[in-house]
């Protein structure tokens, strides 16, 4: 069995024509929420073997804050360009491409892809995945390559302001 942790970046600055989307940073609330969610992840016993993040500034910052709280070496976070603007098919390709020595994989990315891949893998509709929302799923596969529709079950789903 594999474990997949899917995290949406925390609250970021509003879109600004003077900044590219990829350079939007976290707000103060976003930083606080990422720390809070990292603490919750630690209490859940989340210990990823690998964390991959989108190259966007807001996702890299979220990944670093989460990593610090769960005692994961921030220098070991991988940047995966394909996580930026990823849809379900892209996210599934990324997960299927993980090395099978990795038992727990964490992806830090963007909506709507993160929300949609949770529904695809769990076969369950969720209301939303708000900023800094996180889902931990157990996948009924011994290999990342074997994941598919409804091959996972949601173990934990939470957001900074509420359990979802």
N, C-alpha and C. Protein backbone atom coordinates (compact mmCIF):
# COMPACT_ATOMS: atom_id res chain seq x y z
N UNK A 1 0.85 -1.18 0.00
CA UNK A 1 0.00 0.00 0.00
C UNK A 1 0.89 1.25 0.00
N UNK A 2 0.50 2.22 -0.77
CA UNK A 2 1.19 3.51 -0.86
C UNK A 2 0.32 4.57 -0.20
N UNK A 3 0.98 5.63 0.28
CA UNK A 3 0.26 6.76 0.86
C UNK A 3 0.60 8.01 0.06
N UNK A 4 -0.45 8.74 -0.31
CA UNK A 4 -0.30 9.97 -1.08
C UNK A 4 -0.87 11.11 -0.27
N UNK A 5 -0.10 12.16 -0.13
CA UNK A 5 -0.53 13.37 0.56
C UNK A 5 -0.59 14.49 -0.48
N UNK A 6 -1.75 15.08 -0.63
CA UNK A 6 -1.97 16.14 -1.61
C UNK A 6 -2.27 17.44 -0.88
N UNK A 7 -1.47 18.46 -1.14
CA UNK A 7 -1.63 19.74 -0.45
C UNK A 7 -1.78 20.86 -1.47
N UNK A 8 -2.77 21.70 -1.25
CA UNK A 8 -2.92 22.91 -2.05
C UNK A 8 -2.12 24.01 -1.37
N UNK A 9 -1.48 24.86 -2.17
CA UNK A 9 -0.72 25.96 -1.58
C UNK A 9 -1.61 26.82 -0.68
N UNK A 10 -0.98 27.47 0.27
CA UNK A 10 -1.70 28.34 1.21
C UNK A 10 -2.09 29.65 0.51
N UNK A 11 -2.85 30.46 1.22
CA UNK A 11 -3.38 31.72 0.68
C UNK A 11 -2.25 32.60 0.15
N UNK A 12 -2.42 33.04 -1.09
CA UNK A 12 -1.40 33.85 -1.76
C UNK A 12 -1.91 35.26 -2.03
N UNK A 13 -0.98 36.13 -2.37
CA UNK A 13 -1.35 37.49 -2.76
C UNK A 13 -2.31 37.43 -3.93
N UNK A 14 -3.17 38.41 -4.00
CA UNK A 14 -4.11 38.49 -5.12
C UNK A 14 -3.32 38.69 -6.41
N UNK A 15 -3.97 38.30 -7.51
CA UNK A 15 -3.34 38.50 -8.81
C UNK A 15 -3.06 39.98 -8.99
N UNK A 16 -1.89 40.26 -9.55
CA UNK A 16 -1.41 41.63 -9.72
C UNK A 16 -0.74 41.69 -11.09
N UNK A 17 -1.15 42.64 -11.90
CA UNK A 17 -0.61 42.72 -13.26
C UNK A 17 0.89 43.00 -13.29
N UNK A 18 1.46 43.47 -12.18
CA UNK A 18 2.90 43.73 -12.16
C UNK A 18 3.71 42.48 -11.82
N UNK A 19 3.02 41.40 -11.40
CA UNK A 19 3.68 40.15 -11.03
C UNK A 19 3.18 39.02 -11.92
N UNK A 20 4.08 38.13 -12.29
CA UNK A 20 3.59 36.93 -12.99
C UNK A 20 2.92 36.05 -11.96
N UNK A 21 2.01 35.20 -12.40
CA UNK A 21 1.29 34.31 -11.50
C UNK A 21 2.25 33.46 -10.68
N UNK A 22 3.30 32.98 -11.30
CA UNK A 22 4.26 32.10 -10.63
C UNK A 22 5.03 32.81 -9.51
N UNK A 23 5.03 34.14 -9.51
CA UNK A 23 5.79 34.88 -8.51
C UNK A 23 4.94 35.42 -7.37
N UNK A 24 3.66 35.04 -7.34
CA UNK A 24 2.82 35.46 -6.22
C UNK A 24 3.28 34.78 -4.95
N UNK A 25 3.44 35.54 -3.88
CA UNK A 25 3.92 34.98 -2.62
C UNK A 25 2.75 34.74 -1.66
N UNK A 26 3.06 34.08 -0.56
CA UNK A 26 2.05 33.83 0.46
C UNK A 26 1.74 35.10 1.24
N UNK A 27 0.51 35.22 1.66
CA UNK A 27 0.14 36.30 2.58
C UNK A 27 0.57 35.88 3.98
N UNK A 28 0.45 36.80 4.92
CA UNK A 28 0.76 36.44 6.32
C UNK A 28 -0.18 35.33 6.79
N UNK A 29 -1.44 35.45 6.45
CA UNK A 29 -2.40 34.40 6.81
C UNK A 29 -2.01 33.07 6.16
N UNK A 30 -1.56 33.12 4.92
CA UNK A 30 -1.13 31.92 4.22
C UNK A 30 0.04 31.25 4.93
N UNK A 31 0.99 32.03 5.37
CA UNK A 31 2.14 31.47 6.11
C UNK A 31 1.67 30.84 7.42
N UNK A 32 0.80 31.55 8.14
CA UNK A 32 0.26 31.01 9.40
C UNK A 32 -0.51 29.71 9.16
N UNK A 33 -1.33 29.68 8.11
CA UNK A 33 -2.11 28.49 7.79
C UNK A 33 -1.22 27.31 7.43
N UNK A 34 -0.16 27.56 6.67
CA UNK A 34 0.75 26.48 6.29
C UNK A 34 1.42 25.88 7.52
N UNK A 35 1.83 26.73 8.46
CA UNK A 35 2.42 26.24 9.70
C UNK A 35 1.40 25.41 10.48
N UNK A 36 0.18 25.93 10.62
CA UNK A 36 -0.89 25.22 11.34
C UNK A 36 -1.15 23.85 10.70
N UNK A 37 -1.21 23.80 9.37
CA UNK A 37 -1.47 22.54 8.69
C UNK A 37 -0.28 21.59 8.82
N UNK A 38 0.92 22.12 8.84
CA UNK A 38 2.10 21.29 9.07
C UNK A 38 2.06 20.65 10.44
N UNK A 39 1.61 21.40 11.43
CA UNK A 39 1.48 20.85 12.79
C UNK A 39 0.43 19.75 12.82
N UNK A 40 -0.67 19.95 12.10
CA UNK A 40 -1.70 18.91 12.03
C UNK A 40 -1.17 17.66 11.32
N UNK A 41 -0.41 17.87 10.26
CA UNK A 41 0.19 16.73 9.54
C UNK A 41 1.10 15.93 10.47
N UNK A 42 1.89 16.64 11.25
CA UNK A 42 2.79 15.97 12.21
C UNK A 42 1.98 15.13 13.19
N UNK A 43 0.88 15.68 13.70
CA UNK A 43 0.02 14.93 14.63
C UNK A 43 -0.62 13.72 13.95
N UNK A 44 -0.82 13.80 12.64
CA UNK A 44 -1.37 12.68 11.88
C UNK A 44 -0.31 11.61 11.59
N UNK A 45 0.93 11.93 11.91
CA UNK A 45 2.02 10.98 11.66
C UNK A 45 2.50 10.98 10.22
N UNK A 46 2.22 12.05 9.51
CA UNK A 46 2.62 12.13 8.11
C UNK A 46 4.14 12.28 8.02
N UNK A 47 4.78 11.33 7.36
CA UNK A 47 6.24 11.35 7.21
C UNK A 47 6.58 10.97 5.77
N UNK A 48 6.48 11.93 4.83
CA UNK A 48 6.73 11.60 3.44
C UNK A 48 8.20 11.21 3.20
N UNK A 49 8.37 10.28 2.29
CA UNK A 49 9.71 9.93 1.82
C UNK A 49 10.16 10.93 0.77
N UNK A 50 9.20 11.56 0.11
CA UNK A 50 9.50 12.52 -0.95
C UNK A 50 8.42 13.58 -0.99
N UNK A 51 8.85 14.83 -1.08
CA UNK A 51 7.93 15.95 -1.30
C UNK A 51 8.30 16.58 -2.63
N UNK A 52 7.30 16.74 -3.49
CA UNK A 52 7.46 17.44 -4.77
C UNK A 52 6.54 18.65 -4.76
N UNK A 53 7.05 19.77 -5.27
CA UNK A 53 6.26 20.99 -5.31
C UNK A 53 6.32 21.62 -6.69
N UNK A 54 5.27 22.36 -6.99
CA UNK A 54 5.24 23.19 -8.19
C UNK A 54 6.34 24.26 -8.05
N UNK A 55 6.86 24.77 -9.15
CA UNK A 55 7.89 25.81 -9.06
C UNK A 55 7.37 27.19 -8.65
N UNK A 56 6.05 27.38 -8.58
CA UNK A 56 5.50 28.69 -8.21
C UNK A 56 5.97 29.06 -6.81
N UNK A 57 6.24 30.32 -6.60
CA UNK A 57 6.74 30.81 -5.32
C UNK A 57 5.83 30.42 -4.16
N UNK A 58 4.51 30.54 -4.34
CA UNK A 58 3.58 30.25 -3.25
C UNK A 58 3.56 28.77 -2.89
N UNK A 59 3.75 27.89 -3.86
CA UNK A 59 3.78 26.46 -3.54
C UNK A 59 5.11 26.07 -2.91
N UNK A 60 6.20 26.64 -3.39
CA UNK A 60 7.50 26.34 -2.78
C UNK A 60 7.53 26.80 -1.32
N UNK A 61 6.96 27.98 -1.05
CA UNK A 61 6.92 28.49 0.33
C UNK A 61 6.04 27.60 1.20
N UNK A 62 4.89 27.18 0.68
CA UNK A 62 4.01 26.28 1.43
C UNK A 62 4.73 24.97 1.73
N UNK A 63 5.38 24.41 0.74
CA UNK A 63 6.10 23.14 0.92
C UNK A 63 7.19 23.28 1.99
N UNK A 64 7.91 24.38 1.97
CA UNK A 64 8.98 24.59 2.97
C UNK A 64 8.39 24.67 4.38
N UNK A 65 7.29 25.39 4.54
CA UNK A 65 6.68 25.53 5.87
C UNK A 65 6.11 24.20 6.36
N UNK A 66 5.48 23.45 5.47
CA UNK A 66 4.97 22.13 5.86
C UNK A 66 6.12 21.21 6.25
N UNK A 67 7.16 21.22 5.42
CA UNK A 67 8.33 20.35 5.66
C UNK A 67 8.96 20.63 7.02
N UNK A 68 9.08 21.89 7.34
CA UNK A 68 9.70 22.25 8.63
C UNK A 68 8.90 21.66 9.79
N UNK A 69 7.58 21.74 9.71
CA UNK A 69 6.73 21.26 10.80
C UNK A 69 6.73 19.73 10.93
N UNK A 70 6.94 19.03 9.82
CA UNK A 70 6.94 17.56 9.88
C UNK A 70 8.36 17.00 9.92
N UNK A 71 9.33 17.89 10.11
CA UNK A 71 10.74 17.50 10.25
C UNK A 71 11.29 16.82 8.99
N UNK A 72 10.93 17.36 7.84
CA UNK A 72 11.43 16.89 6.55
C UNK A 72 12.47 17.91 6.10
N UNK A 73 13.60 17.45 5.59
CA UNK A 73 14.67 18.34 5.15
C UNK A 73 14.21 19.19 3.97
N UNK A 74 14.07 20.47 4.20
CA UNK A 74 13.60 21.38 3.16
C UNK A 74 14.48 21.40 1.92
N UNK A 75 15.75 21.07 2.07
CA UNK A 75 16.65 21.02 0.91
C UNK A 75 16.39 19.81 0.03
N UNK A 76 15.61 18.87 0.52
CA UNK A 76 15.31 17.65 -0.24
C UNK A 76 13.98 17.73 -0.99
N UNK A 77 13.32 18.88 -0.92
CA UNK A 77 12.05 19.05 -1.64
C UNK A 77 12.36 19.15 -3.13
N UNK A 78 11.70 18.32 -3.92
CA UNK A 78 11.89 18.37 -5.37
C UNK A 78 10.93 19.35 -6.01
N UNK A 79 11.42 20.07 -7.00
CA UNK A 79 10.58 20.99 -7.77
C UNK A 79 10.21 20.28 -9.06
N UNK A 80 8.91 20.11 -9.27
CA UNK A 80 8.39 19.42 -10.46
C UNK A 80 7.62 20.43 -11.29
N UNK A 81 8.21 20.85 -12.41
CA UNK A 81 7.59 21.87 -13.27
C UNK A 81 6.18 21.50 -13.71
N UNK A 82 5.94 20.22 -13.91
CA UNK A 82 4.63 19.78 -14.41
C UNK A 82 3.52 19.93 -13.37
N UNK A 83 3.87 20.20 -12.11
CA UNK A 83 2.83 20.43 -11.09
C UNK A 83 2.15 21.79 -11.26
N UNK A 84 2.83 22.72 -11.94
CA UNK A 84 2.24 24.03 -12.16
C UNK A 84 1.18 23.89 -13.25
N UNK A 85 -0.04 24.26 -12.96
CA UNK A 85 -1.15 24.17 -13.91
C UNK A 85 -1.52 22.73 -14.26
N UNK A 86 -1.21 21.78 -13.38
CA UNK A 86 -1.46 20.37 -13.66
C UNK A 86 -2.94 20.03 -13.53
N UNK A 87 -3.42 19.26 -14.49
CA UNK A 87 -4.75 18.68 -14.41
C UNK A 87 -4.64 17.26 -13.87
N UNK A 88 -5.75 16.56 -13.83
CA UNK A 88 -5.76 15.20 -13.28
C UNK A 88 -4.78 14.30 -14.03
N UNK A 89 -4.82 14.31 -15.35
CA UNK A 89 -3.93 13.42 -16.12
C UNK A 89 -2.46 13.71 -15.81
N UNK A 90 -2.11 14.98 -15.70
CA UNK A 90 -0.72 15.35 -15.37
C UNK A 90 -0.34 14.85 -13.98
N UNK A 91 -1.23 15.05 -13.02
CA UNK A 91 -0.95 14.63 -11.64
C UNK A 91 -0.82 13.12 -11.54
N UNK A 92 -1.66 12.39 -12.25
CA UNK A 92 -1.57 10.93 -12.24
C UNK A 92 -0.24 10.49 -12.86
N UNK A 93 0.19 11.14 -13.94
CA UNK A 93 1.49 10.81 -14.55
C UNK A 93 2.63 11.04 -13.57
N UNK A 94 2.56 12.14 -12.83
CA UNK A 94 3.61 12.45 -11.85
C UNK A 94 3.65 11.38 -10.76
N UNK A 95 2.48 11.03 -10.24
CA UNK A 95 2.43 10.02 -9.18
C UNK A 95 2.91 8.67 -9.71
N UNK A 96 2.43 8.28 -10.88
CA UNK A 96 2.84 6.99 -11.46
C UNK A 96 4.34 6.94 -11.74
N UNK A 97 4.94 8.09 -11.91
CA UNK A 97 6.38 8.15 -12.18
C UNK A 97 7.26 8.08 -10.94
N UNK A 98 6.65 8.07 -9.75
CA UNK A 98 7.44 8.02 -8.52
C UNK A 98 8.13 6.67 -8.38
N UNK A 99 9.30 6.70 -7.80
CA UNK A 99 10.06 5.48 -7.54
C UNK A 99 9.32 4.65 -6.49
N UNK A 100 9.24 3.35 -6.71
CA UNK A 100 8.50 2.50 -5.78
C UNK A 100 9.15 2.35 -4.42
N UNK A 101 10.38 2.80 -4.27
CA UNK A 101 10.98 2.81 -2.93
C UNK A 101 10.31 3.86 -2.05
N UNK A 102 9.69 4.85 -2.68
CA UNK A 102 8.93 5.88 -1.96
C UNK A 102 7.61 5.26 -1.52
N UNK A 103 7.38 5.22 -0.23
CA UNK A 103 6.12 4.68 0.30
C UNK A 103 5.08 5.78 0.50
N UNK A 104 5.55 6.96 0.92
CA UNK A 104 4.65 8.10 1.14
C UNK A 104 5.16 9.27 0.31
N UNK A 105 4.31 9.75 -0.58
CA UNK A 105 4.62 10.84 -1.49
C UNK A 105 3.72 12.02 -1.18
N UNK A 106 4.32 13.21 -1.12
CA UNK A 106 3.53 14.43 -0.93
C UNK A 106 3.71 15.33 -2.15
N UNK A 107 2.58 15.81 -2.68
CA UNK A 107 2.59 16.78 -3.77
C UNK A 107 2.01 18.08 -3.25
N UNK A 108 2.66 19.18 -3.54
CA UNK A 108 2.15 20.51 -3.17
C UNK A 108 1.90 21.25 -4.48
N UNK A 109 0.62 21.56 -4.72
CA UNK A 109 0.26 22.14 -6.01
C UNK A 109 -0.91 23.09 -5.93
N UNK A 110 -1.67 23.10 -7.00
CA UNK A 110 -2.71 24.11 -7.23
C UNK A 110 -4.06 23.47 -7.52
N UNK A 111 -5.11 24.24 -7.29
CA UNK A 111 -6.45 23.85 -7.75
C UNK A 111 -6.63 24.39 -9.16
N UNK A 112 -7.50 23.82 -9.94
CA UNK A 112 -8.46 22.78 -9.58
C UNK A 112 -7.87 21.36 -9.61
N UNK A 113 -6.67 21.20 -10.10
CA UNK A 113 -6.09 19.87 -10.25
C UNK A 113 -6.03 19.06 -8.97
N UNK A 114 -5.62 19.66 -7.87
CA UNK A 114 -5.49 18.91 -6.62
C UNK A 114 -6.86 18.40 -6.16
N UNK A 115 -7.86 19.26 -6.21
CA UNK A 115 -9.22 18.88 -5.83
C UNK A 115 -9.71 17.73 -6.72
N UNK A 116 -9.51 17.88 -8.01
CA UNK A 116 -10.02 16.90 -8.97
C UNK A 116 -9.32 15.55 -8.84
N UNK A 117 -8.02 15.54 -8.56
CA UNK A 117 -7.31 14.26 -8.45
C UNK A 117 -7.72 13.53 -7.18
N UNK A 118 -8.06 14.27 -6.13
CA UNK A 118 -8.58 13.62 -4.91
C UNK A 118 -9.87 12.88 -5.25
N UNK A 119 -10.77 13.56 -5.97
CA UNK A 119 -12.03 12.92 -6.35
C UNK A 119 -11.80 11.73 -7.28
N UNK A 120 -10.89 11.87 -8.22
CA UNK A 120 -10.58 10.80 -9.17
C UNK A 120 -10.04 9.56 -8.44
N UNK A 121 -9.08 9.77 -7.56
CA UNK A 121 -8.44 8.64 -6.88
C UNK A 121 -9.33 8.02 -5.81
N UNK A 122 -10.17 8.83 -5.17
CA UNK A 122 -11.01 8.31 -4.09
C UNK A 122 -12.37 7.82 -4.58
N UNK A 123 -12.80 8.30 -5.75
CA UNK A 123 -14.14 7.98 -6.21
C UNK A 123 -15.20 8.66 -5.38
N UNK A 124 -14.78 9.70 -4.66
CA UNK A 124 -15.67 10.39 -3.74
C UNK A 124 -15.68 11.89 -4.06
N UNK A 125 -16.85 12.49 -4.02
CA UNK A 125 -16.94 13.93 -4.25
C UNK A 125 -16.63 14.67 -2.95
N UNK A 126 -15.78 15.68 -3.06
CA UNK A 126 -15.51 16.53 -1.90
C UNK A 126 -15.99 17.93 -2.25
N UNK A 127 -16.37 18.69 -1.23
CA UNK A 127 -16.89 20.03 -1.48
C UNK A 127 -15.87 20.95 -2.12
N UNK A 128 -14.67 20.95 -1.55
CA UNK A 128 -13.65 21.88 -2.01
C UNK A 128 -12.32 21.49 -1.39
N UNK A 129 -11.26 22.05 -1.92
CA UNK A 129 -9.95 21.97 -1.29
C UNK A 129 -9.46 23.41 -1.23
N UNK A 130 -9.73 24.08 -0.10
CA UNK A 130 -9.38 25.49 0.01
C UNK A 130 -7.87 25.68 0.13
N UNK A 131 -7.40 26.92 0.06
CA UNK A 131 -5.97 27.16 0.24
C UNK A 131 -5.47 26.49 1.53
N UNK A 132 -4.33 25.82 1.44
CA UNK A 132 -3.68 25.08 2.52
C UNK A 132 -4.45 23.81 2.90
N UNK A 133 -5.46 23.45 2.13
CA UNK A 133 -6.17 22.20 2.37
C UNK A 133 -5.27 21.02 2.04
N UNK A 134 -5.41 19.95 2.81
CA UNK A 134 -4.55 18.77 2.64
C UNK A 134 -5.39 17.51 2.74
N UNK A 135 -5.04 16.54 1.90
CA UNK A 135 -5.68 15.23 1.90
C UNK A 135 -4.61 14.16 1.99
N UNK A 136 -4.80 13.20 2.89
CA UNK A 136 -3.95 12.02 2.94
C UNK A 136 -4.79 10.85 2.47
N UNK A 137 -4.24 10.10 1.52
CA UNK A 137 -4.96 8.96 0.95
C UNK A 137 -4.10 7.71 1.03
N UNK A 138 -4.73 6.59 1.35
CA UNK A 138 -4.10 5.29 1.20
C UNK A 138 -4.51 4.74 -0.16
N UNK A 139 -3.53 4.28 -0.91
CA UNK A 139 -3.80 3.75 -2.24
C UNK A 139 -3.67 2.24 -2.22
N UNK A 140 -4.62 1.56 -2.81
CA UNK A 140 -4.61 0.09 -2.82
C UNK A 140 -3.73 -0.41 -3.95
N UNK A 141 -2.45 -0.05 -3.87
CA UNK A 141 -1.49 -0.46 -4.88
C UNK A 141 -0.13 -0.63 -4.22
N UNK A 142 0.62 -1.60 -4.69
CA UNK A 142 1.99 -1.79 -4.19
C UNK A 142 2.99 -1.01 -5.03
N UNK A 143 2.52 -0.51 -6.17
CA UNK A 143 3.36 0.26 -7.07
C UNK A 143 2.62 1.53 -7.46
N UNK A 144 3.34 2.64 -7.53
CA UNK A 144 2.72 3.90 -7.95
C UNK A 144 2.14 3.76 -9.35
N UNK A 145 2.79 2.96 -10.14
CA UNK A 145 2.37 2.77 -11.52
C UNK A 145 0.97 2.15 -11.62
N UNK A 146 0.50 1.50 -10.56
CA UNK A 146 -0.77 0.77 -10.59
C UNK A 146 -1.98 1.58 -10.13
N UNK A 147 -1.79 2.85 -9.82
CA UNK A 147 -2.93 3.62 -9.32
C UNK A 147 -3.89 3.96 -10.46
N UNK A 148 -5.16 4.13 -10.11
CA UNK A 148 -6.16 4.46 -11.10
C UNK A 148 -7.40 5.00 -10.43
N UNK A 149 -8.49 5.12 -11.18
CA UNK A 149 -9.73 5.66 -10.62
C UNK A 149 -10.19 4.85 -9.41
N UNK A 150 -10.58 5.55 -8.37
CA UNK A 150 -11.12 4.95 -7.14
C UNK A 150 -10.18 3.92 -6.53
N UNK A 151 -8.87 4.10 -6.71
CA UNK A 151 -7.90 3.16 -6.13
C UNK A 151 -7.43 3.60 -4.75
N UNK A 152 -7.98 4.69 -4.26
CA UNK A 152 -7.55 5.20 -2.96
C UNK A 152 -8.70 5.47 -2.02
N UNK A 153 -8.35 5.57 -0.77
CA UNK A 153 -9.36 5.96 0.23
C UNK A 153 -8.80 7.12 1.04
N UNK A 154 -9.67 8.08 1.29
CA UNK A 154 -9.27 9.27 2.05
C UNK A 154 -9.13 8.87 3.52
N UNK A 155 -7.96 9.13 4.07
CA UNK A 155 -7.69 8.86 5.48
C UNK A 155 -7.91 10.12 6.31
N UNK A 156 -7.54 11.26 5.73
CA UNK A 156 -7.61 12.53 6.45
C UNK A 156 -7.75 13.64 5.44
N UNK A 157 -8.68 14.54 5.69
CA UNK A 157 -8.93 15.67 4.81
C UNK A 157 -9.19 16.87 5.70
N UNK A 158 -8.40 17.91 5.57
CA UNK A 158 -8.54 19.03 6.47
C UNK A 158 -8.12 20.33 5.80
N UNK A 159 -8.58 21.42 6.36
CA UNK A 159 -8.24 22.77 5.92
C UNK A 159 -7.98 23.61 7.15
N UNK A 160 -7.29 24.73 6.99
CA UNK A 160 -6.91 25.54 8.17
C UNK A 160 -8.10 25.95 9.06
N UNK A 161 -9.22 26.25 8.45
CA UNK A 161 -10.36 26.79 9.22
C UNK A 161 -11.38 25.72 9.64
N UNK A 162 -11.25 24.52 9.06
CA UNK A 162 -12.28 23.51 9.32
C UNK A 162 -11.81 22.14 8.87
N UNK A 163 -12.46 21.14 9.37
CA UNK A 163 -12.29 19.80 8.79
C UNK A 163 -13.25 19.75 7.61
N UNK A 164 -12.81 19.22 6.50
CA UNK A 164 -13.68 19.20 5.30
C UNK A 164 -13.99 17.77 4.88
